Structure formats: C-alpha cells, structure tokens
Amino acid sequence: MSAESKQNEQVTALVHTGTEEFALEQNRAVEIAEKFLPSINATKALNAAFQKIVASEITETTVNQAKALRLRYVKLRTGTAAIHKEEKNAFLNGGRFVDSCKNIQIANGEPCETKLKEIENHFETLRKDAIEKLQVEREGALVQFGVEAFPSLLGEMEEAVWDGYINGVKLNFEAKAKEAAEAEALRVKAEEEARAEQEQVRLENEKLKAEADKREAVAKKEQKARDKAAKIEAGKRAKIEAERVAKEKAAAALRLKLEAEIQATKDAEALAEKEAEAAKQAELSKGDEEKIADLIDSVSSIKTSFKFESYKNKAMFANVCVLCDKVVKYINDQKAT
C-alpha cells in the first residue's frame, strides 16, 4: 500500500468519526482531518526512536537524545494545540471532534514525552537522591552532638567543608559538656563543704550543751551544800535561842546585848559568804562570757567569709547564713538562762 493510499485511509477514518459520532458535514470533517493528520502521523513516526531510547542504557548520550526527542514531541503537541484552538472555536460539535483528534495525538505522544523526560532527568534525579540521602546521614551525625536545627544544604556541602563543620560542632559540644561537668563538680564540692560546716556547728553545739549541763550540775550540788549548811546553822541558832530564853530572866539586858552582837556577827558572816560566792560565780562567768563572745564572733564571721557566683550556690549560702543566725540566737538564749 502506497503512502498516499494509507493517508487516504487515515483521512477516511477520521472523517467517518467526525460525520458519524459528531454529526459533521463531510467536507468540514475532511478539512479538519487533513489539518490534524500531519501532526498525528508525525507523532506516530517518532515512536520508533522513542522505543529505541527507552530500551537503551541510560548514558549522557541517551540523556541528550531523550531531551531532543521530547522537544520534538512538545513541538508537535503545541502545534496540535494551535490547530485544536482554531478549529474548536468554529463550532461546538467541531470542537468535540477536534478534541477527539487532539486526544488521539496526546494519547500517542504524551506518555512518550513523560518517559523521555524521566530519562532526560535520570542523572539529575540520581544526584538529588544522593544529596537527600547525604542530608539525612549528616543530620543523624549531628544529632549525637545535641543539634536540633539543621542547615538545609548539608547534603550539598563539600566533604572538607562538612568535616570542618562537624568537627566544630563536636568541639563546641564537648566544651559545653566539660563546662557542665566542672560546674557539677563545684556544686558537689560546695555541698560537701556546707555539710562539713554544719557538722562542725552541730558538734560545737553539743559541746556547749555538755558544758552547760555540767555547770548546771555543779550549781545544783553547791546549792545543796549551801542548803545543808543553812539547816545546820538554823539548828545552832535554835539551840542558842533556847539557851537565851533559859537565861533571859537572869540576864535580860546582857542577853539582849549578846544576842544583838551574835546576830550582827552572823549577818556579817552570811553577807560575807554570800558576797564571796557571788564573786566566785562572777569570776567563773567572766571566763565563760569571753569564750561565748568568741564563739558568737566565729559563727557570725562565716556570713562574711565566703562569696559565691552562681545563683544556686548563692541560694545555698543564704540558707547557711540563716543557720548561723539561728546558732547565734541559741547561744544568746542559753546565756540568758
């Protein structure tokens, strides 16, 4: 069959579609078919080249061939679109017919375009996939150093640039970790020192309490001895008084004089004894007063002997100062009792 006969058959087929399915006049259908037929045939003529490229291994040459062939498909499609627009504007049924003609061309050409575009972009697609994979890998490497926000171009960094970047991130991470560890060590040390100071204060308080208890026991013992002596002395006075009453009638005046003298002597002795005891206690208290004053000064000096920089240690030391105030108050309360 000659090319002319084949073309006539194709025209006849398209005209049949236009007259039977879309009710066009035959002359109009022939006119439209003859306008679309060249682009339809040209599209079909590219199929052999399309099949060859699709079946070939993808190389730089194949990529270039795919692009060139796709552009030929594009040119035929845009030419068909122009004919389609021109003919469709003529009348509605003609528009439906030209739609059918256009769809025939598109059905033959567009899948080929898509496949060729895929081949054309093969190496670019591989490059983008590799970049995306490298982006994910490098983000994973940064996560271990606490990074949460990632640069968008990690996958496109040169290896030397990436090495420098991640080494900087690592050094920064390690420096912060070291700083945190040192801060924690200082905190622990400060807490241990505070506990040691508190223990020292507790032991000192226990010592002071023991000394106070001892003094209280001695005072009670001395008071008991004084009570016993007073009782004996009262017995003596009662005996003297009995003798005085027995002799009262015989020597009232003398007795009264003697009793006055004796009473004055006793009062003087009692006063001297009381004053001596008071002087003794005052002397003992004088030594303790100086010690207590030194103790209060030592506890109070803790509040001005240390200075901390961090908020946490400042708060801790503030509590220590409160404890110092409580210790001083306790000493003063004990001193007052």
C-alpha atoms as a PDB file:
ATOM      1  CA  MET A   1       0.000   0.000   0.000  1.00  0.00           C
ATOM      2  CA  SER A   2       1.347   3.374  -1.093  1.00  0.00           C
ATOM      3  CA  ALA A   3       1.838   6.251   1.330  1.00  0.00           C
ATOM      4  CA  GLU A   4      -0.899   8.181  -0.465  1.00  0.00           C
ATOM      5  CA  SER A   5      -3.361   5.307  -0.107  1.00  0.00           C
ATOM      6  CA  LYS A   6      -2.502   4.923   3.560  1.00  0.00           C
ATOM      7  CA  GLN A   7      -3.018   8.633   4.164  1.00  0.00           C
ATOM      8  CA  ASN A   8      -6.367   8.496   2.344  1.00  0.00           C
ATOM      9  CA  GLU A   9      -7.454   5.666   4.639  1.00  0.00           C
ATOM     10  CA  GLN A  10      -6.456   7.666   7.702  1.00  0.00           C
ATOM     11  CA  VAL A  11      -8.386  10.697   6.431  1.00  0.00           C
ATOM     12  CA  THR A  12     -11.372   8.474   5.701  1.00  0.00           C
ATOM     13  CA  ALA A  13     -11.228   7.037   9.220  1.00  0.00           C
ATOM     14  CA  LEU A  14     -11.097  10.472  10.824  1.00  0.00           C
ATOM     15  CA  VAL A  15     -13.852  11.786   8.533  1.00  0.00           C
ATOM     16  CA  HIS A  16     -16.010   8.798   9.462  1.00  0.00           C
ATOM     17  CA  THR A  17     -15.530   9.632  13.134  1.00  0.00           C
ATOM     18  CA  GLY A  18     -16.437  13.255  12.505  1.00  0.00           C
ATOM     19  CA  THR A  19     -19.560  12.514  10.463  1.00  0.00           C
ATOM     20  CA  GLU A  20     -20.869   9.522  12.430  1.00  0.00           C
ATOM     21  CA  GLU A  21     -20.010  10.413  16.032  1.00  0.00           C
ATOM     22  CA  PHE A  22     -20.142  14.204  15.871  1.00  0.00           C
ATOM     23  CA  ALA A  23     -22.628  14.750  13.010  1.00  0.00           C
ATOM     24  CA  LEU A  24     -20.285  16.967  10.988  1.00  0.00           C
ATOM     25  CA  GLU A  25     -20.681  17.618   7.293  1.00  0.00           C
ATOM     26  CA  GLN A  26     -18.280  15.504   5.297  1.00  0.00           C
ATOM     27  CA  ASN A  27     -16.443  18.432   3.701  1.00  0.00           C
ATOM     28  CA  ARG A  28     -15.867  20.035   7.134  1.00  0.00           C
ATOM     29  CA  ALA A  29     -14.764  16.743   8.586  1.00  0.00           C
ATOM     30  CA  VAL A  30     -12.304  16.249   5.710  1.00  0.00           C
ATOM     31  CA  GLU A  31     -10.956  19.768   6.196  1.00  0.00           C
ATOM     32  CA  ILE A  32     -10.379  19.234   9.922  1.00  0.00           C
ATOM     33  CA  ALA A  33      -8.929  15.736   9.468  1.00  0.00           C
ATOM     34  CA  GLU A  34      -6.433  16.967   6.892  1.00  0.00           C
ATOM     35  CA  LYS A  35      -5.247  19.671   9.343  1.00  0.00           C
ATOM     36  CA  PHE A  36      -4.681  17.237  12.229  1.00  0.00           C
ATOM     37  CA  LEU A  37      -3.419  14.256  10.240  1.00  0.00           C
ATOM     38  CA  PRO A  38       0.148  15.580   9.667  1.00  0.00           C
ATOM     39  CA  SER A  39       0.804  16.075  13.399  1.00  0.00           C
ATOM     40  CA  ILE A  40      -0.797  12.718  14.243  1.00  0.00           C
ATOM     41  CA  ASN A  41       1.337  10.920  11.659  1.00  0.00           C
ATOM     42  CA  ALA A  42       4.442  12.848  12.717  1.00  0.00           C
ATOM     43  CA  THR A  43       3.834  11.802  16.336  1.00  0.00           C
ATOM     44  CA  LYS A  44       3.422   8.159  15.358  1.00  0.00           C
ATOM     45  CA  ALA A  45       6.572   8.434  13.247  1.00  0.00           C
ATOM     46  CA  LEU A  46       8.577   9.249  16.383  1.00  0.00           C
ATOM     47  CA  ASN A  47       7.581   6.007  18.131  1.00  0.00           C
ATOM     48  CA  ALA A  48      10.460   4.012  16.687  1.00  0.00           C
ATOM     49  CA  ALA A  49      13.013   6.491  18.014  1.00  0.00           C
ATOM     50  CA  PHE A  50      11.140   6.527  21.358  1.00  0.00           C
ATOM     51  CA  GLN A  51      11.252   2.729  21.706  1.00  0.00           C
ATOM     52  CA  LYS A  52      14.964   2.707  20.872  1.00  0.00           C
ATOM     53  CA  ILE A  53      15.794   5.311  23.534  1.00  0.00           C
ATOM     54  CA  VAL A  54      13.644   3.631  26.190  1.00  0.00           C
ATOM     55  CA  ALA A  55      15.332   0.300  25.553  1.00  0.00           C
ATOM     56  CA  SER A  56      18.855   1.782  25.698  1.00  0.00           C
ATOM     57  CA  GLU A  57      21.145   2.029  28.741  1.00  0.00           C
ATOM     58  CA  ILE A  58      20.990   5.493  30.285  1.00  0.00           C
ATOM     59  CA  THR A  59      24.153   7.426  29.427  1.00  0.00           C
ATOM     60  CA  GLU A  60      24.968  11.046  28.766  1.00  0.00           C
ATOM     61  CA  THR A  61      24.272  10.408  25.050  1.00  0.00           C
ATOM     62  CA  THR A  62      20.925   8.758  25.856  1.00  0.00           C
ATOM     63  CA  VAL A  63      20.002  11.698  28.061  1.00  0.00           C
ATOM     64  CA  ASN A  64      20.721  14.172  25.261  1.00  0.00           C
ATOM     65  CA  GLN A  65      18.784  12.059  22.729  1.00  0.00           C
ATOM     66  CA  ALA A  66      15.810  11.813  25.135  1.00  0.00           C
ATOM     67  CA  LYS A  67      15.755  15.576  25.538  1.00  0.00           C
ATOM     68  CA  ALA A  68      15.920  16.209  21.782  1.00  0.00           C
ATOM     69  CA  LEU A  69      13.136  13.692  21.025  1.00  0.00           C
ATOM     70  CA  ARG A  70      10.956  15.034  23.849  1.00  0.00           C
ATOM     71  CA  LEU A  71      11.247  18.522  22.419  1.00  0.00           C
ATOM     72  CA  ARG A  72      10.052  17.193  19.041  1.00  0.00           C
ATOM     73  CA  TYR A  73       7.011  15.696  20.800  1.00  0.00           C
ATOM     74  CA  VAL A  74       6.462  19.034  22.544  1.00  0.00           C
ATOM     75  CA  LYS A  75       6.632  20.895  19.236  1.00  0.00           C
ATOM     76  CA  LEU A  76       4.024  18.555  17.663  1.00  0.00           C
ATOM     77  CA  ARG A  77       1.813  18.855  20.739  1.00  0.00           C
ATOM     78  CA  THR A  78       1.924  22.651  20.757  1.00  0.00           C
ATOM     79  CA  GLY A  79       1.234  22.705  17.009  1.00  0.00           C
ATOM     80  CA  THR A  80      -1.720  20.379  17.516  1.00  0.00           C
ATOM     81  CA  ALA A  81      -2.961  22.634  20.316  1.00  0.00           C
ATOM     82  CA  ALA A  82      -2.934  25.608  17.953  1.00  0.00           C
ATOM     83  CA  ILE A  83      -4.972  23.702  15.348  1.00  0.00           C
ATOM     84  CA  HIS A  84      -7.266  22.491  18.112  1.00  0.00           C
ATOM     85  CA  LYS A  85      -7.887  26.020  19.360  1.00  0.00           C
ATOM     86  CA  GLU A  86      -8.554  27.328  15.854  1.00  0.00           C
ATOM     87  CA  GLU A  87     -10.982  24.589  14.857  1.00  0.00           C
ATOM     88  CA  LYS A  88     -12.758  24.341  18.222  1.00  0.00           C
ATOM     89  CA  ASN A  89     -13.685  27.995  18.155  1.00  0.00           C
ATOM     90  CA  ALA A  90     -15.626  27.397  14.894  1.00  0.00           C
ATOM     91  CA  PHE A  91     -18.477  25.359  16.363  1.00  0.00           C
ATOM     92  CA  LEU A  92     -19.326  23.132  19.289  1.00  0.00           C
ATOM     93  CA  ASN A  93     -19.576  19.810  17.505  1.00  0.00           C
ATOM     94  CA  GLY A  94     -16.440  20.649  15.579  1.00  0.00           C
ATOM     95  CA  GLY A  95     -14.835  21.349  18.918  1.00  0.00           C
ATOM     96  CA  ARG A  96     -15.783  17.907  20.147  1.00  0.00           C
ATOM     97  CA  PHE A  97     -14.333  16.414  17.010  1.00  0.00           C
ATOM     98  CA  VAL A  98     -11.088  18.317  17.267  1.00  0.00           C
ATOM     99  CA  ASP A  99     -10.929  17.304  20.940  1.00  0.00           C
ATOM    100  CA  SER A 100     -11.059  13.726  19.786  1.00  0.00           C
ATOM    101  CA  CYS A 101      -8.321  14.382  17.244  1.00  0.00           C
ATOM    102  CA  LYS A 102      -6.209  16.138  19.850  1.00  0.00           C
ATOM    103  CA  ASN A 103      -6.717  13.297  22.338  1.00  0.00           C
ATOM    104  CA  ILE A 104      -5.577  10.801  19.719  1.00  0.00           C
ATOM    105  CA  GLN A 105      -2.340  12.728  19.271  1.00  0.00           C
ATOM    106  CA  ILE A 106      -1.881  13.183  23.026  1.00  0.00           C
ATOM    107  CA  ALA A 107      -2.605   9.525  23.717  1.00  0.00           C
ATOM    108  CA  ASN A 108       0.169   8.638  21.289  1.00  0.00           C
ATOM    109  CA  GLY A 109       2.650  11.338  22.277  1.00  0.00           C
ATOM    110  CA  GLU A 110       2.270  12.376  25.950  1.00  0.00           C
ATOM    111  CA  PRO A 111       3.291   9.024  27.527  1.00  0.00           C
ATOM    112  CA  CYS A 112       6.372   9.125  25.343  1.00  0.00           C
ATOM    113  CA  GLU A 113       7.130  12.660  26.494  1.00  0.00           C
ATOM    114  CA  THR A 114       6.803  11.619  30.130  1.00  0.00           C
ATOM    115  CA  LYS A 115       9.115   8.635  29.741  1.00  0.00           C
ATOM    116  CA  LEU A 116      11.653  10.669  27.779  1.00  0.00           C
ATOM    117  CA  LYS A 117      11.559  13.401  30.470  1.00  0.00           C
ATOM    118  CA  GLU A 118      12.257  10.710  33.058  1.00  0.00           C
ATOM    119  CA  ILE A 119      15.256   9.507  31.042  1.00  0.00           C
ATOM    120  CA  GLU A 120      16.387  13.076  30.402  1.00  0.00           C
ATOM    121  CA  ASN A 121      16.399  13.820  34.137  1.00  0.00           C
ATOM    122  CA  HIS A 122      17.924  10.475  35.170  1.00  0.00           C
ATOM    123  CA  PHE A 123      21.292  11.766  36.345  1.00  0.00           C
ATOM    124  CA  GLU A 124      19.744  14.851  37.915  1.00  0.00           C
ATOM    125  CA  THR A 125      17.348  12.588  39.819  1.00  0.00           C
ATOM    126  CA  LEU A 126      20.227  10.400  40.975  1.00  0.00           C
ATOM    127  CA  ARG A 127      22.132  13.499  42.083  1.00  0.00           C
ATOM    128  CA  LYS A 128      19.155  14.811  44.067  1.00  0.00           C
ATOM    129  CA  ASP A 129      18.593  11.376  45.659  1.00  0.00           C
ATOM    130  CA  ALA A 130      22.254  11.234  46.675  1.00  0.00           C
ATOM    131  CA  ILE A 131      22.075  14.742  48.157  1.00  0.00           C
ATOM    132  CA  GLU A 132      18.916  13.851  50.074  1.00  0.00           C
ATOM    133  CA  LYS A 133      20.492  10.655  51.411  1.00  0.00           C
ATOM    134  CA  LEU A 134      23.642  12.528  52.454  1.00  0.00           C
ATOM    135  CA  GLN A 135      21.477  15.203  54.131  1.00  0.00           C
ATOM    136  CA  VAL A 136      19.773  12.531  56.247  1.00  0.00           C
ATOM    137  CA  GLU A 137      23.089  10.843  57.138  1.00  0.00           C
ATOM    138  CA  ARG A 138      24.704  14.123  58.176  1.00  0.00           C
ATOM    139  CA  GLU A 139      21.674  15.177  60.215  1.00  0.00           C
ATOM    140  CA  GLY A 140      21.944  11.842  62.025  1.00  0.00           C
ATOM    141  CA  ALA A 141      25.629  12.537  62.719  1.00  0.00           C
ATOM    142  CA  LEU A 142      24.754  15.958  64.205  1.00  0.00           C
ATOM    143  CA  VAL A 143      22.002  14.614  66.482  1.00  0.00           C
ATOM    144  CA  GLN A 144      24.549  12.888  68.749  1.00  0.00           C
ATOM    145  CA  PHE A 145      26.035  16.313  69.499  1.00  0.00           C
ATOM    146  CA  GLY A 146      22.684  17.795  70.564  1.00  0.00           C
ATOM    147  CA  VAL A 147      21.913  19.648  67.300  1.00  0.00           C
ATOM    148  CA  GLU A 148      18.162  20.142  66.733  1.00  0.00           C
ATOM    149  CA  ALA A 149      18.041  22.645  63.834  1.00  0.00           C
ATOM    150  CA  PHE A 150      19.918  21.522  60.709  1.00  0.00           C
ATOM    151  CA  PRO A 151      21.276  23.620  57.809  1.00  0.00           C
ATOM    152  CA  SER A 152      19.267  22.980  54.631  1.00  0.00           C
ATOM    153  CA  LEU A 153      22.332  22.435  52.397  1.00  0.00           C
ATOM    154  CA  LEU A 154      24.141  19.749  54.437  1.00  0.00           C
ATOM    155  CA  GLY A 155      23.821  17.267  51.579  1.00  0.00           C
ATOM    156  CA  GLU A 156      25.488  19.676  49.139  1.00  0.00           C
ATOM    157  CA  MET A 157      28.500  20.533  51.323  1.00  0.00           C
ATOM    158  CA  GLU A 158      31.924  19.521  50.048  1.00  0.00           C
ATOM    159  CA  GLU A 159      33.485  16.807  52.201  1.00  0.00           C
ATOM    160  CA  ALA A 160      36.210  19.133  53.519  1.00  0.00           C
ATOM    161  CA  VAL A 161      33.632  21.781  54.444  1.00  0.00           C
ATOM    162  CA  TRP A 162      31.464  19.147  56.132  1.00  0.00           C
ATOM    163  CA  ASP A 163      34.433  17.773  58.099  1.00  0.00           C
ATOM    164  CA  GLY A 164      35.281  21.255  59.339  1.00  0.00           C
ATOM    165  CA  TYR A 165      31.648  21.941  60.249  1.00  0.00           C
ATOM    166  CA  ILE A 166      31.016  18.738  62.214  1.00  0.00           C
ATOM    167  CA  ASN A 167      34.400  18.994  63.966  1.00  0.00           C
ATOM    168  CA  GLY A 168      33.426  22.495  65.118  1.00  0.00           C
ATOM    169  CA  VAL A 169      30.051  21.213  66.351  1.00  0.00           C
ATOM    170  CA  LYS A 170      31.777  18.342  68.167  1.00  0.00           C
ATOM    171  CA  LEU A 171      34.326  20.629  69.853  1.00  0.00           C
ATOM    172  CA  ASN A 172      31.567  23.004  70.947  1.00  0.00           C
ATOM    173  CA  PHE A 173      29.515  20.082  72.315  1.00  0.00           C
ATOM    174  CA  GLU A 174      32.496  18.670  74.220  1.00  0.00           C
ATOM    175  CA  ALA A 175      33.382  22.117  75.612  1.00  0.00           C
ATOM    176  CA  LYS A 176      29.829  22.592  76.920  1.00  0.00           C
ATOM    177  CA  ALA A 177      29.828  19.066  78.391  1.00  0.00           C
ATOM    178  CA  LYS A 178      33.155  19.767  80.119  1.00  0.00           C
ATOM    179  CA  GLU A 179      31.869  23.073  81.460  1.00  0.00           C
ATOM    180  CA  ALA A 180      28.733  21.380  82.802  1.00  0.00           C
ATOM    181  CA  ALA A 181      30.823  18.637  84.453  1.00  0.00           C
ATOM    182  CA  GLU A 182      33.086  21.207  86.088  1.00  0.00           C
ATOM    183  CA  ALA A 183      30.088  23.182  87.325  1.00  0.00           C
ATOM    184  CA  GLU A 184      28.585  19.992  88.777  1.00  0.00           C
ATOM    185  CA  ALA A 185      31.883  19.157  90.499  1.00  0.00           C
ATOM    186  CA  LEU A 186      31.978  22.635  92.051  1.00  0.00           C
ATOM    187  CA  ARG A 187      28.368  22.249  93.196  1.00  0.00           C
ATOM    188  CA  VAL A 188      29.091  18.883  94.830  1.00  0.00           C
ATOM    189  CA  LYS A 189      32.204  20.272  96.492  1.00  0.00           C
ATOM    190  CA  ALA A 190      30.264  23.258  97.846  1.00  0.00           C
ATOM    191  CA  GLU A 191      27.553  20.969  99.215  1.00  0.00           C
ATOM    192  CA  GLU A 192      30.155  18.772 100.906  1.00  0.00           C
ATOM    193  CA  GLU A 193      31.833  21.823 102.458  1.00  0.00           C
ATOM    194  CA  ALA A 194      28.456  23.100 103.656  1.00  0.00           C
ATOM    195  CA  ARG A 195      27.649  19.736 105.228  1.00  0.00           C
ATOM    196  CA  ALA A 196      31.070  19.712 106.903  1.00  0.00           C
ATOM    197  CA  GLU A 197      30.457  23.185 108.307  1.00  0.00           C
ATOM    198  CA  GLN A 198      27.016  22.172 109.548  1.00  0.00           C
ATOM    199  CA  GLU A 199      28.505  19.109 111.233  1.00  0.00           C
ATOM    200  CA  GLN A 200      31.143  21.277 112.879  1.00  0.00           C
ATOM    201  CA  VAL A 201      28.454  23.616 114.171  1.00  0.00           C
ATOM    202  CA  ARG A 202      26.433  20.656 115.467  1.00  0.00           C
ATOM    203  CA  LEU A 203      29.429  19.213 117.323  1.00  0.00           C
ATOM    204  CA  GLU A 204      30.249  22.593 118.789  1.00  0.00           C
ATOM    205  CA  ASN A 205      26.652  22.993 119.937  1.00  0.00           C
ATOM    206  CA  GLU A 206      26.764  19.569 121.562  1.00  0.00           C
ATOM    207  CA  LYS A 207      29.975  20.534 123.315  1.00  0.00           C
ATOM    208  CA  LEU A 208      28.453  23.786 124.549  1.00  0.00           C
ATOM    209  CA  LYS A 209      25.361  21.953 125.794  1.00  0.00           C
ATOM    210  CA  ALA A 210      27.506  19.406 127.625  1.00  0.00           C
ATOM    211  CA  GLU A 211      29.453  22.200 129.284  1.00  0.00           C
ATOM    212  CA  ALA A 212      26.223  23.965 130.247  1.00  0.00           C
ATOM    213  CA  ASP A 213      24.792  20.740 131.696  1.00  0.00           C
ATOM    214  CA  LYS A 214      27.979  20.237 133.676  1.00  0.00           C
ATOM    215  CA  ARG A 215      27.821  23.773 135.067  1.00  0.00           C
ATOM    216  CA  GLU A 216      24.189  23.278 135.997  1.00  0.00           C
ATOM    217  CA  ALA A 217      25.024  20.039 137.863  1.00  0.00           C
ATOM    218  CA  VAL A 218      27.821  21.783 139.763  1.00  0.00           C
ATOM    219  CA  ALA A 219      25.493  24.654 140.665  1.00  0.00           C
ATOM    220  CA  LYS A 220      22.859  22.231 141.963  1.00  0.00           C
ATOM    221  CA  LYS A 221      25.483  20.413 144.049  1.00  0.00           C
ATOM    222  CA  GLU A 222      26.742  23.674 145.523  1.00  0.00           C
ATOM    223  CA  GLN A 223      23.171  24.807 146.268  1.00  0.00           C
ATOM    224  CA  LYS A 224      22.505  21.526 148.056  1.00  0.00           C
ATOM    225  CA  ALA A 225      25.620  22.028 150.191  1.00  0.00           C
ATOM    226  CA  ARG A 226      24.516  25.567 150.994  1.00  0.00           C
ATOM    227  CA  ASP A 227      21.068  24.325 151.989  1.00  0.00           C
ATOM    228  CA  LYS A 228      22.640  21.725 154.292  1.00  0.00           C
ATOM    229  CA  ALA A 229      24.887  24.323 155.886  1.00  0.00           C
ATOM    230  CA  ALA A 230      21.934  26.631 156.363  1.00  0.00           C
ATOM    231  CA  LYS A 231      19.992  23.847 158.050  1.00  0.00           C
ATOM    232  CA  ILE A 232      22.863  23.173 160.424  1.00  0.00           C
ATOM    233  CA  GLU A 233      23.182  26.836 161.054  1.00  0.00           C
ATOM    234  CA  ALA A 234      19.466  27.058 161.835  1.00  0.00           C
ATOM    235  CA  GLY A 235      19.856  24.261 164.386  1.00  0.00           C
ATOM    236  CA  LYS A 236      22.649  26.144 166.023  1.00  0.00           C
ATOM    237  CA  ARG A 237      20.568  29.263 166.172  1.00  0.00           C
ATOM    238  CA  ALA A 238      17.678  27.360 167.696  1.00  0.00           C
ATOM    239  CA  LYS A 239      19.958  25.964 170.434  1.00  0.00           C
ATOM    240  CA  ILE A 240      21.334  29.385 171.193  1.00  0.00           C
ATOM    241  CA  GLU A 241      17.847  30.772 171.254  1.00  0.00           C
ATOM    242  CA  ALA A 242      16.806  28.112 173.746  1.00  0.00           C
ATOM    243  CA  GLU A 243      19.757  28.961 175.956  1.00  0.00           C
ATOM    244  CA  ARG A 244      18.905  32.617 175.601  1.00  0.00           C
ATOM    245  CA  VAL A 245      15.350  32.022 176.752  1.00  0.00           C
ATOM    246  CA  ALA A 246      16.585  29.984 179.771  1.00  0.00           C
ATOM    247  CA  LYS A 247      18.877  32.765 180.847  1.00  0.00           C
ATOM    248  CA  GLU A 248      16.509  35.568 179.882  1.00  0.00           C
ATOM    249  CA  LYS A 249      15.137  36.218 183.342  1.00  0.00           C
ATOM    250  CA  ALA A 250      18.598  36.238 184.927  1.00  0.00           C
ATOM    251  CA  ALA A 251      20.362  38.491 182.461  1.00  0.00           C
ATOM    252  CA  ALA A 252      17.834  40.072 180.135  1.00  0.00           C
ATOM    253  CA  ALA A 253      19.882  43.106 179.371  1.00  0.00           C
ATOM    254  CA  LEU A 254      23.095  41.127 178.864  1.00  0.00           C
ATOM    255  CA  ARG A 255      21.289  38.533 176.801  1.00  0.00           C
ATOM    256  CA  LEU A 256      19.800  41.156 174.565  1.00  0.00           C
ATOM    257  CA  LYS A 257      23.210  42.717 174.020  1.00  0.00           C
ATOM    258  CA  LEU A 258      24.859  39.388 173.417  1.00  0.00           C
ATOM    259  CA  GLU A 259      22.106  38.336 171.028  1.00  0.00           C
ATOM    260  CA  ALA A 260      22.436  41.581 169.127  1.00  0.00           C
ATOM    261  CA  GLU A 261      26.178  41.121 168.845  1.00  0.00           C
ATOM    262  CA  ILE A 262      25.785  37.480 167.861  1.00  0.00           C
ATOM    263  CA  GLN A 263      23.092  38.357 165.291  1.00  0.00           C
ATOM    264  CA  ALA A 264      25.226  41.116 163.835  1.00  0.00           C
ATOM    265  CA  THR A 265      28.167  38.725 163.563  1.00  0.00           C
ATOM    266  CA  LYS A 266      26.029  36.088 161.902  1.00  0.00           C
ATOM    267  CA  ASP A 267      24.600  38.595 159.474  1.00  0.00           C
ATOM    268  CA  ALA A 268      28.070  39.793 158.587  1.00  0.00           C
ATOM    269  CA  GLU A 269      29.292  36.248 158.095  1.00  0.00           C
ATOM    270  CA  ALA A 270      26.288  35.351 155.951  1.00  0.00           C
ATOM    271  CA  LEU A 271      26.723  38.506 153.888  1.00  0.00           C
ATOM    272  CA  ALA A 272      30.432  37.840 153.502  1.00  0.00           C
ATOM    273  CA  GLU A 273      29.736  34.260 152.495  1.00  0.00           C
ATOM    274  CA  LYS A 274      27.077  35.380 150.017  1.00  0.00           C
ATOM    275  CA  GLU A 275      29.331  38.055 148.573  1.00  0.00           C
ATOM    276  CA  ALA A 276      32.213  35.596 148.337  1.00  0.00           C
ATOM    277  CA  GLU A 277      30.008  33.093 146.485  1.00  0.00           C
ATOM    278  CA  ALA A 278      28.708  35.816 144.179  1.00  0.00           C
ATOM    279  CA  ALA A 279      32.277  36.931 143.472  1.00  0.00           C
ATOM    280  CA  LYS A 280      33.267  33.334 142.753  1.00  0.00           C
ATOM    281  CA  GLN A 281      30.360  32.834 140.297  1.00  0.00           C
ATOM    282  CA  ALA A 282      31.067  36.181 138.676  1.00  0.00           C
ATOM    283  CA  GLU A 283      34.702  35.179 138.157  1.00  0.00           C
ATOM    284  CA  LEU A 284      33.662  31.880 136.625  1.00  0.00           C
ATOM    285  CA  SER A 285      31.093  33.597 134.385  1.00  0.00           C
ATOM    286  CA  LYS A 286      33.655  36.162 133.322  1.00  0.00           C
ATOM    287  CA  GLY A 287      35.845  33.484 131.669  1.00  0.00           C
ATOM    288  CA  ASP A 288      32.819  31.875 130.004  1.00  0.00           C
ATOM    289  CA  GLU A 289      31.478  35.225 128.779  1.00  0.00           C
ATOM    290  CA  GLU A 290      34.675  35.822 126.805  1.00  0.00           C
ATOM    291  CA  LYS A 291      34.527  32.327 125.328  1.00  0.00           C
ATOM    292  CA  ILE A 292      30.860  32.746 124.409  1.00  0.00           C
ATOM    293  CA  ALA A 293      31.605  36.115 122.800  1.00  0.00           C
ATOM    294  CA  ASP A 294      34.415  34.492 120.754  1.00  0.00           C
ATOM    295  CA  LEU A 295      32.056  31.698 119.748  1.00  0.00           C
ATOM    296  CA  ILE A 296      29.385  34.178 118.559  1.00  0.00           C
ATOM    297  CA  ASP A 297      32.029  36.115 116.587  1.00  0.00           C
ATOM    298  CA  SER A 298      33.317  32.905 114.951  1.00  0.00           C
ATOM    299  CA  VAL A 299      29.819  31.775 113.893  1.00  0.00           C
ATOM    300  CA  SER A 300      28.856  35.258 112.670  1.00  0.00           C
ATOM    301  CA  SER A 301      32.104  35.615 110.644  1.00  0.00           C
ATOM    302  CA  ILE A 302      31.027  32.698 108.421  1.00  0.00           C
ATOM    303  CA  LYS A 303      28.441  35.034 106.827  1.00  0.00           C
ATOM    304  CA  THR A 304      31.194  37.348 105.532  1.00  0.00           C
ATOM    305  CA  SER A 305      33.926  34.793 104.846  1.00  0.00           C
ATOM    306  CA  PHE A 306      32.559  33.356 101.590  1.00  0.00           C
ATOM    307  CA  LYS A 307      31.227  34.717  98.304  1.00  0.00           C
ATOM    308  CA  PHE A 308      29.620  32.610  95.563  1.00  0.00           C
ATOM    309  CA  GLU A 309      28.864  33.477  91.927  1.00  0.00           C
ATOM    310  CA  SER A 310      26.207  31.007  90.754  1.00  0.00           C
ATOM    311  CA  TYR A 311      22.546  31.510  91.683  1.00  0.00           C
ATOM    312  CA  LYS A 312      22.331  28.004  93.067  1.00  0.00           C
ATOM    313  CA  ASN A 313      25.336  28.389  95.404  1.00  0.00           C
ATOM    314  CA  LYS A 314      24.186  31.860  96.435  1.00  0.00           C
ATOM    315  CA  ALA A 315      20.860  30.338  97.490  1.00  0.00           C
ATOM    316  CA  MET A 316      22.667  27.554  99.372  1.00  0.00           C
ATOM    317  CA  PHE A 317      24.913  30.071 101.200  1.00  0.00           C
ATOM    318  CA  ALA A 318      21.879  32.196 102.095  1.00  0.00           C
ATOM    319  CA  ASN A 319      20.460  29.142 103.923  1.00  0.00           C
ATOM    320  CA  VAL A 320      23.829  28.678 105.690  1.00  0.00           C
ATOM    321  CA  CYS A 321      23.670  32.321 106.857  1.00  0.00           C
ATOM    322  CA  VAL A 322      20.159  31.722 108.242  1.00  0.00           C
ATOM    323  CA  LEU A 323      21.528  28.721 110.155  1.00  0.00           C
ATOM    324  CA  CYS A 324      24.351  30.914 111.530  1.00  0.00           C
ATOM    325  CA  ASP A 325      21.777  33.438 112.809  1.00  0.00           C
ATOM    326  CA  LYS A 326      19.843  30.633 114.480  1.00  0.00           C
ATOM    327  CA  VAL A 327      23.030  29.345 116.177  1.00  0.00           C
ATOM    328  CA  VAL A 328      23.884  32.838 117.498  1.00  0.00           C
ATOM    329  CA  LYS A 329      20.311  33.239 118.811  1.00  0.00           C
ATOM    330  CA  TYR A 330      20.516  29.845 120.517  1.00  0.00           C
ATOM    331  CA  ILE A 331      23.817  30.833 122.245  1.00  0.00           C
ATOM    332  CA  ASN A 332      22.333  34.131 123.435  1.00  0.00           C
ATOM    333  CA  ASP A 333      19.196  32.363 124.699  1.00  0.00           C
ATOM    334  CA  GLN A 334      21.331  29.885 126.642  1.00  0.00           C
ATOM    335  CA  LYS A 335      23.463  32.671 128.039  1.00  0.00           C
ATOM    336  CA  ALA A 336      20.362  34.491 129.274  1.00  0.00           C
ATOM    337  CA  THR A 337      19.027  31.474 131.210  1.00  0.00           C
END
